Amino acid sequence: MDCEKAIYRVYHYLDGELTVWRRWSIKRHLHHCPPCAQGFDFEVELRQVVSQKCREEAPAELRERIAEAIRRYEQSRAEGLY
């Protein structure tokens, strides 16, 4: 596997969307390619920071508006309007 393919597939790897063979192939490439391994480590760290820092809750008013919009949509589907 070359660097371009590894970088492209790293996101799928992190999302758990690859076959066992492709996961093995990327692990092998990362083990032998320090620049790609650095990029991979950066992506892992970035995802961790985002998941820790982006925990704000939407305002109650926004959640209520979204819930109401979903209810109206589901009701209109049930009535055959969509």
N, C-alpha and C. Protein backbone atom coordinates (compact mmCIF):
# COMPACT_ATOMS: atom_id res chain seq x y z
N MET A 1 0.85 -1.17 0.00
CA MET A 1 0.00 0.00 0.00
C MET A 1 0.90 1.23 0.00
N ASP A 2 0.55 2.21 -0.84
CA ASP A 2 1.33 3.44 -0.87
C ASP A 2 0.72 4.48 0.09
N CYS A 3 1.44 5.57 0.28
CA CYS A 3 1.03 6.59 1.24
C CYS A 3 -0.32 7.21 0.89
N GLU A 4 -0.54 7.47 -0.38
CA GLU A 4 -1.79 8.11 -0.80
C GLU A 4 -3.00 7.24 -0.43
N LYS A 5 -2.92 5.95 -0.71
CA LYS A 5 -4.02 5.04 -0.36
C LYS A 5 -4.17 4.93 1.15
N ALA A 6 -3.06 4.88 1.85
CA ALA A 6 -3.11 4.75 3.31
C ALA A 6 -3.78 5.97 3.93
N ILE A 7 -3.41 7.15 3.48
CA ILE A 7 -4.00 8.37 4.02
C ILE A 7 -5.49 8.42 3.71
N TYR A 8 -5.86 8.05 2.50
CA TYR A 8 -7.27 8.05 2.12
C TYR A 8 -8.07 7.09 3.00
N ARG A 9 -7.50 5.94 3.28
CA ARG A 9 -8.23 4.90 4.02
C ARG A 9 -8.14 5.05 5.54
N VAL A 10 -7.26 5.90 6.02
CA VAL A 10 -7.10 6.07 7.46
C VAL A 10 -8.41 6.49 8.11
N TYR A 11 -9.17 7.35 7.45
CA TYR A 11 -10.44 7.80 8.02
C TYR A 11 -11.43 6.65 8.12
N HIS A 12 -11.45 5.80 7.11
CA HIS A 12 -12.31 4.61 7.15
C HIS A 12 -11.82 3.66 8.24
N TYR A 13 -10.51 3.59 8.39
CA TYR A 13 -9.92 2.74 9.43
C TYR A 13 -10.38 3.22 10.81
N LEU A 14 -10.27 4.53 11.04
CA LEU A 14 -10.64 5.08 12.34
C LEU A 14 -12.14 4.92 12.62
N ASP A 15 -12.94 4.91 11.57
CA ASP A 15 -14.38 4.74 11.73
C ASP A 15 -14.80 3.27 11.80
N GLY A 16 -13.84 2.36 11.68
CA GLY A 16 -14.14 0.93 11.75
C GLY A 16 -14.90 0.41 10.54
N GLU A 17 -14.65 1.00 9.39
CA GLU A 17 -15.40 0.67 8.18
C GLU A 17 -14.63 -0.21 7.19
N LEU A 18 -13.54 -0.80 7.62
CA LEU A 18 -12.72 -1.59 6.70
C LEU A 18 -12.75 -3.07 7.04
N THR A 19 -12.44 -3.86 6.05
CA THR A 19 -12.31 -5.30 6.26
C THR A 19 -11.07 -5.57 7.10
N VAL A 20 -10.98 -6.75 7.63
CA VAL A 20 -9.81 -7.14 8.43
C VAL A 20 -8.54 -7.02 7.59
N TRP A 21 -8.61 -7.44 6.34
CA TRP A 21 -7.44 -7.39 5.46
C TRP A 21 -6.96 -5.95 5.26
N ARG A 22 -7.89 -5.04 4.98
CA ARG A 22 -7.49 -3.64 4.77
C ARG A 22 -6.96 -3.02 6.05
N ARG A 23 -7.56 -3.36 7.19
CA ARG A 23 -7.05 -2.85 8.47
C ARG A 23 -5.61 -3.32 8.68
N TRP A 24 -5.36 -4.59 8.40
CA TRP A 24 -4.02 -5.15 8.54
C TRP A 24 -3.05 -4.44 7.60
N SER A 25 -3.49 -4.19 6.37
CA SER A 25 -2.65 -3.54 5.38
C SER A 25 -2.28 -2.12 5.83
N ILE A 26 -3.22 -1.39 6.38
CA ILE A 26 -2.93 -0.04 6.87
C ILE A 26 -2.01 -0.09 8.08
N LYS A 27 -2.28 -1.00 9.01
CA LYS A 27 -1.39 -1.13 10.18
C LYS A 27 0.03 -1.40 9.73
N ARG A 28 0.18 -2.28 8.77
CA ARG A 28 1.50 -2.63 8.27
C ARG A 28 2.18 -1.40 7.65
N HIS A 29 1.42 -0.65 6.85
CA HIS A 29 1.98 0.54 6.23
C HIS A 29 2.39 1.55 7.30
N LEU A 30 1.53 1.78 8.28
CA LEU A 30 1.84 2.75 9.33
C LEU A 30 3.07 2.33 10.13
N HIS A 31 3.24 1.03 10.31
CA HIS A 31 4.41 0.53 11.04
C HIS A 31 5.71 0.82 10.29
N HIS A 32 5.63 0.84 8.95
CA HIS A 32 6.84 1.02 8.14
C HIS A 32 7.00 2.43 7.59
N CYS A 33 6.04 3.33 7.85
CA CYS A 33 6.09 4.67 7.27
C CYS A 33 5.87 5.72 8.37
N PRO A 34 6.95 6.21 8.96
CA PRO A 34 6.82 7.19 10.04
C PRO A 34 6.00 8.44 9.69
N PRO A 35 6.12 9.02 8.49
CA PRO A 35 5.30 10.20 8.20
C PRO A 35 3.79 9.89 8.24
N CYS A 36 3.39 8.75 7.68
CA CYS A 36 1.98 8.38 7.72
C CYS A 36 1.55 8.05 9.15
N ALA A 37 2.43 7.41 9.90
CA ALA A 37 2.12 7.08 11.29
C ALA A 37 1.92 8.35 12.10
N GLN A 38 2.72 9.39 11.82
CA GLN A 38 2.55 10.68 12.49
C GLN A 38 1.20 11.29 12.15
N GLY A 39 0.82 11.22 10.89
CA GLY A 39 -0.48 11.74 10.47
C GLY A 39 -1.62 10.99 11.13
N PHE A 40 -1.46 9.68 11.24
CA PHE A 40 -2.47 8.84 11.89
C PHE A 40 -2.59 9.23 13.36
N ASP A 41 -1.47 9.36 14.04
CA ASP A 41 -1.48 9.74 15.46
C ASP A 41 -2.15 11.10 15.65
N PHE A 42 -1.89 12.02 14.72
CA PHE A 42 -2.52 13.34 14.80
C PHE A 42 -4.05 13.21 14.68
N GLU A 43 -4.51 12.41 13.74
CA GLU A 43 -5.96 12.23 13.54
C GLU A 43 -6.61 11.60 14.77
N VAL A 44 -5.94 10.63 15.37
CA VAL A 44 -6.47 10.00 16.58
C VAL A 44 -6.58 11.04 17.70
N GLU A 45 -5.52 11.82 17.87
CA GLU A 45 -5.52 12.84 18.92
C GLU A 45 -6.57 13.92 18.65
N LEU A 46 -6.70 14.33 17.40
CA LEU A 46 -7.70 15.33 17.03
C LEU A 46 -9.11 14.83 17.35
N ARG A 47 -9.40 13.59 17.01
CA ARG A 47 -10.72 13.03 17.32
C ARG A 47 -10.98 12.99 18.82
N GLN A 48 -9.96 12.69 19.58
CA GLN A 48 -10.12 12.65 21.04
C GLN A 48 -10.42 14.05 21.58
N VAL A 49 -9.70 15.05 21.11
CA VAL A 49 -9.92 16.42 21.57
C VAL A 49 -11.32 16.89 21.19
N VAL A 50 -11.71 16.64 19.96
CA VAL A 50 -13.04 17.06 19.51
C VAL A 50 -14.11 16.39 20.33
N SER A 51 -13.97 15.11 20.59
CA SER A 51 -15.02 14.41 21.35
C SER A 51 -15.07 14.89 22.80
N GLN A 52 -13.96 15.31 23.35
CA GLN A 52 -13.94 15.79 24.73
C GLN A 52 -14.44 17.23 24.84
N LYS A 53 -14.10 18.05 23.86
CA LYS A 53 -14.41 19.48 23.94
C LYS A 53 -15.78 19.84 23.37
N CYS A 54 -16.30 19.02 22.51
CA CYS A 54 -17.56 19.35 21.83
C CYS A 54 -18.73 18.63 22.50
N ARG A 55 -18.95 18.96 23.73
CA ARG A 55 -20.02 18.32 24.49
C ARG A 55 -21.09 19.31 24.91
N GLU A 56 -21.14 20.44 24.24
CA GLU A 56 -22.16 21.41 24.57
C GLU A 56 -23.53 20.85 24.22
N GLU A 57 -24.49 21.17 25.05
CA GLU A 57 -25.85 20.72 24.81
C GLU A 57 -26.60 21.83 24.08
N ALA A 58 -27.43 21.42 23.14
CA ALA A 58 -28.24 22.40 22.41
C ALA A 58 -29.23 23.05 23.37
N PRO A 59 -29.55 24.32 23.16
CA PRO A 59 -30.53 25.00 24.03
C PRO A 59 -31.88 24.27 23.98
N ALA A 60 -32.61 24.32 25.09
CA ALA A 60 -33.89 23.63 25.20
C ALA A 60 -34.85 24.06 24.09
N GLU A 61 -34.87 25.35 23.78
CA GLU A 61 -35.77 25.85 22.74
C GLU A 61 -35.48 25.21 21.39
N LEU A 62 -34.20 25.07 21.06
CA LEU A 62 -33.82 24.44 19.80
C LEU A 62 -34.23 22.97 19.78
N ARG A 63 -33.99 22.27 20.87
CA ARG A 63 -34.38 20.85 20.94
C ARG A 63 -35.89 20.71 20.77
N GLU A 64 -36.66 21.60 21.38
CA GLU A 64 -38.12 21.55 21.26
C GLU A 64 -38.56 21.81 19.83
N ARG A 65 -37.93 22.79 19.16
CA ARG A 65 -38.29 23.09 17.77
C ARG A 65 -37.97 21.91 16.86
N ILE A 66 -36.86 21.26 17.09
CA ILE A 66 -36.49 20.10 16.28
C ILE A 66 -37.47 18.96 16.53
N ALA A 67 -37.80 18.70 17.79
CA ALA A 67 -38.76 17.64 18.12
C ALA A 67 -40.11 17.91 17.47
N GLU A 68 -40.55 19.16 17.50
CA GLU A 68 -41.83 19.53 16.89
C GLU A 68 -41.78 19.34 15.38
N ALA A 69 -40.70 19.71 14.76
CA ALA A 69 -40.56 19.53 13.31
C ALA A 69 -40.59 18.05 12.95
N ILE A 70 -39.98 17.22 13.76
CA ILE A 70 -39.99 15.77 13.51
C ILE A 70 -41.40 15.24 13.67
N ARG A 71 -42.10 15.67 14.72
CA ARG A 71 -43.49 15.22 14.92
C ARG A 71 -44.37 15.61 13.73
N ARG A 72 -44.24 16.86 13.26
CA ARG A 72 -45.04 17.30 12.11
C ARG A 72 -44.72 16.48 10.87
N TYR A 73 -43.44 16.22 10.65
CA TYR A 73 -43.02 15.43 9.50
C TYR A 73 -43.59 14.02 9.58
N GLU A 74 -43.47 13.38 10.74
CA GLU A 74 -43.98 12.03 10.90
C GLU A 74 -45.50 12.00 10.75
N GLN A 75 -46.18 13.01 11.26
CA GLN A 75 -47.64 13.07 11.13
C GLN A 75 -48.03 13.22 9.65
N SER A 76 -47.32 14.08 8.94
CA SER A 76 -47.65 14.28 7.52
C SER A 76 -47.36 13.03 6.71
N ARG A 77 -46.33 12.28 7.08
CA ARG A 77 -46.04 11.01 6.40
C ARG A 77 -47.16 10.02 6.65
N ALA A 78 -47.62 9.98 7.89
CA ALA A 78 -48.70 9.05 8.26
C ALA A 78 -49.98 9.41 7.50
N GLU A 79 -50.17 10.68 7.22
CA GLU A 79 -51.36 11.13 6.51
C GLU A 79 -51.19 11.07 5.00
N GLY A 80 -50.00 10.62 4.57
CA GLY A 80 -49.76 10.46 3.14
C GLY A 80 -49.42 11.74 2.41
N LEU A 81 -49.01 12.77 3.12
CA LEU A 81 -48.67 14.03 2.49
C LEU A 81 -47.25 14.05 1.92
N TYR A 82 -46.38 13.15 2.40
CA TYR A 82 -45.00 13.07 1.89
C TYR A 82 -44.84 11.85 1.07
